[in-house]
Amino acid sequence: MTRLFDFFFDLGQKLGTLGRLEQLTVRPNGRYDVDTCTRIDGSDPAGNIVKEVLVQGYRQKISKRVVEPSLVRT
């Protein structure tokens, strides 16, 4: 699913429809940040380390405002 999302996100960038957006860079073993991540069901609600990134989120390039947070498992 992640590869499919990345493919269409890159396609949107090339076509110019997503020119003002960039993907977040949330990584496994990174710190959980409520501003850039959303936990999926079954995650440890007290966990502060990202175990798995299911889908990367994205933000506006200029303002850095998060449009969609990354979906993660903690």
PDB file of N, CA and C in Angstrom:
ATOM      1  N   MET A   1       0.822  -1.181   0.000  1.00  0.00           N
ATOM      2  CA  MET A   1       0.000   0.000   0.000  1.00  0.00           C
ATOM      3  C   MET A   1       0.876   1.258   0.000  1.00  0.00           C
ATOM      4  N   THR A   2       1.967   1.210   0.749  1.00  0.00           N
ATOM      5  CA  THR A   2       2.859   2.367   0.815  1.00  0.00           C
ATOM      6  C   THR A   2       3.461   2.672  -0.548  1.00  0.00           C
ATOM      7  N   ARG A   3       3.891   1.633  -1.249  1.00  0.00           N
ATOM      8  CA  ARG A   3       4.491   1.852  -2.576  1.00  0.00           C
ATOM      9  C   ARG A   3       3.480   2.432  -3.553  1.00  0.00           C
ATOM     10  N   LEU A   4       2.244   1.986  -3.455  1.00  0.00           N
ATOM     11  CA  LEU A   4       1.189   2.509  -4.326  1.00  0.00           C
ATOM     12  C   LEU A   4       0.931   3.988  -4.034  1.00  0.00           C
ATOM     13  N   PHE A   5       0.854   4.349  -2.751  1.00  0.00           N
ATOM     14  CA  PHE A   5       0.666   5.750  -2.384  1.00  0.00           C
ATOM     15  C   PHE A   5       1.841   6.596  -2.880  1.00  0.00           C
ATOM     16  N   ASP A   6       3.081   6.101  -2.656  1.00  0.00           N
ATOM     17  CA  ASP A   6       4.267   6.830  -3.102  1.00  0.00           C
ATOM     18  C   ASP A   6       4.253   7.038  -4.612  1.00  0.00           C
ATOM     19  N   PHE A   7       3.833   6.014  -5.359  1.00  0.00           N
ATOM     20  CA  PHE A   7       3.767   6.126  -6.811  1.00  0.00           C
ATOM     21  C   PHE A   7       2.825   7.253  -7.232  1.00  0.00           C
ATOM     22  N   PHE A   8       1.617   7.253  -6.671  1.00  0.00           N
ATOM     23  CA  PHE A   8       0.649   8.280  -7.056  1.00  0.00           C
ATOM     24  C   PHE A   8       1.022   9.662  -6.531  1.00  0.00           C
ATOM     25  N   PHE A   9       1.678   9.728  -5.376  1.00  0.00           N
ATOM     26  CA  PHE A   9       2.145  11.019  -4.876  1.00  0.00           C
ATOM     27  C   PHE A   9       3.206  11.584  -5.821  1.00  0.00           C
ATOM     28  N   ASP A  10       4.157  10.744  -6.235  1.00  0.00           N
ATOM     29  CA  ASP A  10       5.190  11.184  -7.186  1.00  0.00           C
ATOM     30  C   ASP A  10       4.583  11.580  -8.523  1.00  0.00           C
ATOM     31  N   LEU A  11       3.591  10.829  -8.982  1.00  0.00           N
ATOM     32  CA  LEU A  11       2.910  11.162 -10.229  1.00  0.00           C
ATOM     33  C   LEU A  11       2.227  12.521 -10.121  1.00  0.00           C
ATOM     34  N   GLY A  12       1.555  12.765  -9.014  1.00  0.00           N
ATOM     35  CA  GLY A  12       0.912  14.061  -8.792  1.00  0.00           C
ATOM     36  C   GLY A  12       1.925  15.199  -8.767  1.00  0.00           C
ATOM     37  N   GLN A  13       3.111  14.955  -8.201  1.00  0.00           N
ATOM     38  CA  GLN A  13       4.169  15.969  -8.191  1.00  0.00           C
ATOM     39  C   GLN A  13       4.620  16.277  -9.616  1.00  0.00           C
ATOM     40  N   LYS A  14       4.820  15.239 -10.411  1.00  0.00           N
ATOM     41  CA  LYS A  14       5.288  15.419 -11.789  1.00  0.00           C
ATOM     42  C   LYS A  14       4.250  16.118 -12.655  1.00  0.00           C
ATOM     43  N   LEU A  15       2.972  15.843 -12.402  1.00  0.00           N
ATOM     44  CA  LEU A  15       1.912  16.480 -13.176  1.00  0.00           C
ATOM     45  C   LEU A  15       1.616  17.901 -12.700  1.00  0.00           C
ATOM     46  N   GLY A  16       2.167  18.257 -11.571  1.00  0.00           N
ATOM     47  CA  GLY A  16       1.981  19.611 -11.062  1.00  0.00           C
ATOM     48  C   GLY A  16       0.757  19.798 -10.186  1.00  0.00           C
ATOM     49  N   THR A  17       0.024  18.746  -9.937  1.00  0.00           N
ATOM     50  CA  THR A  17      -1.181  18.890  -9.118  1.00  0.00           C
ATOM     51  C   THR A  17      -0.870  18.937  -7.625  1.00  0.00           C
ATOM     52  N   LEU A  18       0.301  18.482  -7.231  1.00  0.00           N
ATOM     53  CA  LEU A  18       0.698  18.487  -5.826  1.00  0.00           C
ATOM     54  C   LEU A  18       1.964  19.321  -5.624  1.00  0.00           C
ATOM     55  N   GLY A  19       2.168  20.301  -6.465  1.00  0.00           N
ATOM     56  CA  GLY A  19       3.397  21.078  -6.447  1.00  0.00           C
ATOM     57  C   GLY A  19       3.709  21.773  -5.138  1.00  0.00           C
ATOM     58  N   ARG A  20       2.719  22.017  -4.318  1.00  0.00           N
ATOM     59  CA  ARG A  20       2.941  22.737  -3.059  1.00  0.00           C
ATOM     60  C   ARG A  20       3.054  21.807  -1.865  1.00  0.00           C
ATOM     61  N   LEU A  21       3.081  20.497  -2.109  1.00  0.00           N
ATOM     62  CA  LEU A  21       3.120  19.526  -1.016  1.00  0.00           C
ATOM     63  C   LEU A  21       4.408  18.720  -1.049  1.00  0.00           C
ATOM     64  N   GLU A  22       4.807  18.228   0.127  1.00  0.00           N
ATOM     65  CA  GLU A  22       5.946  17.325   0.226  1.00  0.00           C
ATOM     66  C   GLU A  22       5.621  16.251   1.254  1.00  0.00           C
ATOM     67  N   GLN A  23       6.198  15.073   1.067  1.00  0.00           N
ATOM     68  CA  GLN A  23       5.948  13.978   1.996  1.00  0.00           C
ATOM     69  C   GLN A  23       6.729  14.199   3.283  1.00  0.00           C
ATOM     70  N   LEU A  24       6.155  13.710   4.371  1.00  0.00           N
ATOM     71  CA  LEU A  24       6.854  13.718   5.653  1.00  0.00           C
ATOM     72  C   LEU A  24       7.909  12.613   5.638  1.00  0.00           C
ATOM     73  N   THR A  25       8.853  12.685   6.555  1.00  0.00           N
ATOM     74  CA  THR A  25       9.912  11.679   6.615  1.00  0.00           C
ATOM     75  C   THR A  25       9.898  10.975   7.963  1.00  0.00           C
ATOM     76  N   VAL A  26       8.767  10.401   8.305  1.00  0.00           N
ATOM     77  CA  VAL A  26       8.649   9.620   9.541  1.00  0.00           C
ATOM     78  C   VAL A  26       9.276   8.260   9.277  1.00  0.00           C
ATOM     79  N   ARG A  27      10.141   7.808  10.184  1.00  0.00           N
ATOM     80  CA  ARG A  27      10.866   6.551  10.010  1.00  0.00           C
ATOM     81  C   ARG A  27      10.635   5.600  11.186  1.00  0.00           C
ATOM     82  N   PRO A  28      10.694   4.296  10.923  1.00  0.00           N
ATOM     83  CA  PRO A  28      10.632   3.334  12.027  1.00  0.00           C
ATOM     84  C   PRO A  28      11.775   3.588  13.010  1.00  0.00           C
ATOM     85  N   ASN A  29      11.529   3.318  14.269  1.00  0.00           N
ATOM     86  CA  ASN A  29      12.465   3.546  15.376  1.00  0.00           C
ATOM     87  C   ASN A  29      12.650   5.028  15.687  1.00  0.00           C
ATOM     88  N   GLY A  30      11.898   5.876  15.016  1.00  0.00           N
ATOM     89  CA  GLY A  30      11.923   7.305  15.321  1.00  0.00           C
ATOM     90  C   GLY A  30      10.937   7.621  16.435  1.00  0.00           C
ATOM     91  N   ARG A  31      11.012   8.817  16.920  1.00  0.00           N
ATOM     92  CA  ARG A  31      10.148   9.251  18.018  1.00  0.00           C
ATOM     93  C   ARG A  31       8.753   9.578  17.487  1.00  0.00           C
ATOM     94  N   TYR A  32       7.719   9.135  18.195  1.00  0.00           N
ATOM     95  CA  TYR A  32       6.335   9.436  17.828  1.00  0.00           C
ATOM     96  C   TYR A  32       6.052  10.905  18.127  1.00  0.00           C
ATOM     97  N   ASP A  33       5.536  11.618  17.144  1.00  0.00           N
ATOM     98  CA  ASP A  33       5.227  13.041  17.270  1.00  0.00           C
ATOM     99  C   ASP A  33       3.756  13.237  16.915  1.00  0.00           C
ATOM    100  N   VAL A  34       2.982  13.765  17.845  1.00  0.00           N
ATOM    101  CA  VAL A  34       1.539  13.942  17.611  1.00  0.00           C
ATOM    102  C   VAL A  34       1.252  14.929  16.491  1.00  0.00           C
ATOM    103  N   ASP A  35       2.195  15.774  16.137  1.00  0.00           N
ATOM    104  CA  ASP A  35       1.986  16.741  15.062  1.00  0.00           C
ATOM    105  C   ASP A  35       2.135  16.123  13.676  1.00  0.00           C
ATOM    106  N   THR A  36       2.922  15.045  13.572  1.00  0.00           N
ATOM    107  CA  THR A  36       3.180  14.453  12.258  1.00  0.00           C
ATOM    108  C   THR A  36       2.699  13.018  12.125  1.00  0.00           C
ATOM    109  N   CYS A  37       2.189  12.419  13.209  1.00  0.00           N
ATOM    110  CA  CYS A  37       1.791  11.007  13.184  1.00  0.00           C
ATOM    111  C   CYS A  37       0.397  10.798  13.761  1.00  0.00           C
ATOM    112  N   THR A  38      -0.247   9.737  13.285  1.00  0.00           N
ATOM    113  CA  THR A  38      -1.500   9.251  13.856  1.00  0.00           C
ATOM    114  C   THR A  38      -1.345   7.758  14.072  1.00  0.00           C
ATOM    115  N   ARG A  39      -1.650   7.306  15.291  1.00  0.00           N
ATOM    116  CA  ARG A  39      -1.568   5.877  15.606  1.00  0.00           C
ATOM    117  C   ARG A  39      -2.747   5.136  14.987  1.00  0.00           C
ATOM    118  N   ILE A  40      -2.486   3.923  14.519  1.00  0.00           N
ATOM    119  CA  ILE A  40      -3.577   3.082  14.028  1.00  0.00           C
ATOM    120  C   ILE A  40      -4.090   2.232  15.188  1.00  0.00           C
ATOM    121  N   ASP A  41      -5.251   1.625  14.999  1.00  0.00           N
ATOM    122  CA  ASP A  41      -5.808   0.726  16.014  1.00  0.00           C
ATOM    123  C   ASP A  41      -4.825  -0.406  16.280  1.00  0.00           C
ATOM    124  N   GLY A  42      -4.730  -0.816  17.528  1.00  0.00           N
ATOM    125  CA  GLY A  42      -3.831  -1.888  17.905  1.00  0.00           C
ATOM    126  C   GLY A  42      -2.458  -1.406  18.325  1.00  0.00           C
ATOM    127  N   SER A  43      -2.220  -0.102  18.242  1.00  0.00           N
ATOM    128  CA  SER A  43      -0.944   0.462  18.668  1.00  0.00           C
ATOM    129  C   SER A  43      -0.922   0.637  20.177  1.00  0.00           C
ATOM    130  N   ASP A  44       0.265   0.699  20.735  1.00  0.00           N
ATOM    131  CA  ASP A  44       0.434   0.976  22.162  1.00  0.00           C
ATOM    132  C   ASP A  44       0.132   2.455  22.380  1.00  0.00           C
ATOM    133  N   PRO A  45      -0.938   2.792  23.100  1.00  0.00           N
ATOM    134  CA  PRO A  45      -1.302   4.200  23.276  1.00  0.00           C
ATOM    135  C   PRO A  45      -0.261   5.011  24.044  1.00  0.00           C
ATOM    136  N   ALA A  46       0.581   4.343  24.807  1.00  0.00           N
ATOM    137  CA  ALA A  46       1.620   5.054  25.551  1.00  0.00           C
ATOM    138  C   ALA A  46       2.977   4.975  24.840  1.00  0.00           C
ATOM    139  N   GLY A  47       3.018   4.256  23.712  1.00  0.00           N
ATOM    140  CA  GLY A  47       4.290   4.100  22.991  1.00  0.00           C
ATOM    141  C   GLY A  47       4.758   5.408  22.394  1.00  0.00           C
ATOM    142  N   ASN A  48       6.047   5.678  22.516  1.00  0.00           N
ATOM    143  CA  ASN A  48       6.587   6.910  21.944  1.00  0.00           C
ATOM    144  C   ASN A  48       7.636   6.621  20.875  1.00  0.00           C
ATOM    145  N   ILE A  49       7.744   5.354  20.463  1.00  0.00           N
ATOM    146  CA  ILE A  49       8.654   4.974  19.382  1.00  0.00           C
ATOM    147  C   ILE A  49       7.824   4.377  18.245  1.00  0.00           C
ATOM    148  N   VAL A  50       8.081   4.834  17.024  1.00  0.00           N
ATOM    149  CA  VAL A  50       7.373   4.337  15.843  1.00  0.00           C
ATOM    150  C   VAL A  50       7.940   2.969  15.484  1.00  0.00           C
ATOM    151  N   LYS A  51       7.085   1.970  15.439  1.00  0.00           N
ATOM    152  CA  LYS A  51       7.516   0.625  15.065  1.00  0.00           C
ATOM    153  C   LYS A  51       7.394   0.397  13.562  1.00  0.00           C
ATOM    154  N   GLU A  52       6.327   0.962  12.974  1.00  0.00           N
ATOM    155  CA  GLU A  52       6.068   0.746  11.552  1.00  0.00           C
ATOM    156  C   GLU A  52       5.352   1.963  10.975  1.00  0.00           C
ATOM    157  N   VAL A  53       5.765   2.381   9.783  1.00  0.00           N
ATOM    158  CA  VAL A  53       5.090   3.468   9.070  1.00  0.00           C
ATOM    159  C   VAL A  53       4.263   2.824   7.966  1.00  0.00           C
ATOM    160  N   LEU A  54       2.942   2.983   8.048  1.00  0.00           N
ATOM    161  CA  LEU A  54       2.064   2.377   7.048  1.00  0.00           C
ATOM    162  C   LEU A  54       1.918   3.269   5.825  1.00  0.00           C
ATOM    163  N   VAL A  55       1.699   4.539   6.037  1.00  0.00           N
ATOM    164  CA  VAL A  55       1.582   5.511   4.941  1.00  0.00           C
ATOM    165  C   VAL A  55       2.189   6.830   5.408  1.00  0.00           C
ATOM    166  N   GLN A  56       3.086   7.387   4.595  1.00  0.00           N
ATOM    167  CA  GLN A  56       3.663   8.679   4.923  1.00  0.00           C
ATOM    168  C   GLN A  56       2.623   9.774   4.725  1.00  0.00           C
ATOM    169  N   GLY A  57       2.631  10.732   5.607  1.00  0.00           N
ATOM    170  CA  GLY A  57       1.760  11.887   5.468  1.00  0.00           C
ATOM    171  C   GLY A  57       2.415  12.928   4.577  1.00  0.00           C
ATOM    172  N   TYR A  58       1.794  14.088   4.493  1.00  0.00           N
ATOM    173  CA  TYR A  58       2.376  15.169   3.701  1.00  0.00           C
ATOM    174  C   TYR A  58       2.044  16.519   4.310  1.00  0.00           C
ATOM    175  N   ARG A  59       2.835  17.517   3.941  1.00  0.00           N
ATOM    176  CA  ARG A  59       2.668  18.874   4.454  1.00  0.00           C
ATOM    177  C   ARG A  59       2.903  19.875   3.342  1.00  0.00           C
ATOM    178  N   GLN A  60       2.517  21.114   3.601  1.00  0.00           N
ATOM    179  CA  GLN A  60       2.750  22.182   2.636  1.00  0.00           C
ATOM    180  C   GLN A  60       4.234  22.543   2.659  1.00  0.00           C
ATOM    181  N   LYS A  61       4.800  22.762   1.487  1.00  0.00           N
ATOM    182  CA  LYS A  61       6.237  23.045   1.398  1.00  0.00           C
ATOM    183  C   LYS A  61       6.620  24.353   2.070  1.00  0.00           C
ATOM    184  N   ILE A  62       5.874  25.395   1.844  1.00  0.00           N
ATOM    185  CA  ILE A  62       6.263  26.721   2.335  1.00  0.00           C
ATOM    186  C   ILE A  62       5.946  26.904   3.809  1.00  0.00           C
ATOM    187  N   SER A  63       4.711  26.645   4.209  1.00  0.00           N
ATOM    188  CA  SER A  63       4.311  26.893   5.593  1.00  0.00           C
ATOM    189  C   SER A  63       4.682  25.751   6.539  1.00  0.00           C
ATOM    190  N   LYS A  64       4.991  24.566   5.977  1.00  0.00           N
ATOM    191  CA  LYS A  64       5.312  23.358   6.754  1.00  0.00           C
ATOM    192  C   LYS A  64       4.123  22.857   7.568  1.00  0.00           C
ATOM    193  N   ARG A  65       2.920  23.327   7.264  1.00  0.00           N
ATOM    194  CA  ARG A  65       1.722  22.867   7.942  1.00  0.00           C
ATOM    195  C   ARG A  65       1.383  21.455   7.476  1.00  0.00           C
ATOM    196  N   VAL A  66       1.163  20.546   8.431  1.00  0.00           N
ATOM    197  CA  VAL A  66       0.845  19.154   8.098  1.00  0.00           C
ATOM    198  C   VAL A  66      -0.601  19.101   7.588  1.00  0.00           C
ATOM    199  N   VAL A  67      -0.758  18.577   6.385  1.00  0.00           N
ATOM    200  CA  VAL A  67      -2.068  18.414   5.768  1.00  0.00           C
ATOM    201  C   VAL A  67      -2.654  17.069   6.182  1.00  0.00           C
ATOM    202  N   GLU A  68      -1.871  16.007   6.078  1.00  0.00           N
ATOM    203  CA  GLU A  68      -2.261  14.658   6.491  1.00  0.00           C
ATOM    204  C   GLU A  68      -1.097  14.043   7.244  1.00  0.00           C
ATOM    205  N   PRO A  69      -1.303  13.637   8.493  1.00  0.00           N
ATOM    206  CA  PRO A  69      -0.217  13.008   9.248  1.00  0.00           C
ATOM    207  C   PRO A  69       0.055  11.581   8.745  1.00  0.00           C
ATOM    208  N   SER A  70       1.238  11.082   9.054  1.00  0.00           N
ATOM    209  CA  SER A  70       1.605   9.706   8.704  1.00  0.00           C
ATOM    210  C   SER A  70       0.842   8.728   9.583  1.00  0.00           C
ATOM    211  N   LEU A  71       0.455   7.605   9.005  1.00  0.00           N
ATOM    212  CA  LEU A  71      -0.206   6.544   9.772  1.00  0.00           C
ATOM    213  C   LEU A  71       0.877   5.585  10.262  1.00  0.00           C
ATOM    214  N   VAL A  72       0.943   5.415  11.581  1.00  0.00           N
ATOM    215  CA  VAL A  72       2.014   4.607  12.163  1.00  0.00           C
ATOM    216  C   VAL A  72       1.484   3.626  13.192  1.00  0.00           C
ATOM    217  N   ARG A  73       2.295   2.622  13.479  1.00  0.00           N
ATOM    218  CA  ARG A  73       2.028   1.675  14.569  1.00  0.00           C
ATOM    219  C   ARG A  73       3.114   1.897  15.617  1.00  0.00           C
ATOM    220  N   THR A  74       2.690   2.048  16.878  1.00  0.00           N
ATOM    221  CA  THR A  74       3.655   2.241  17.972  1.00  0.00           C
ATOM    222  C   THR A  74       3.653   1.044  18.888  1.00  0.00           C
TER     223      THR A  74
END
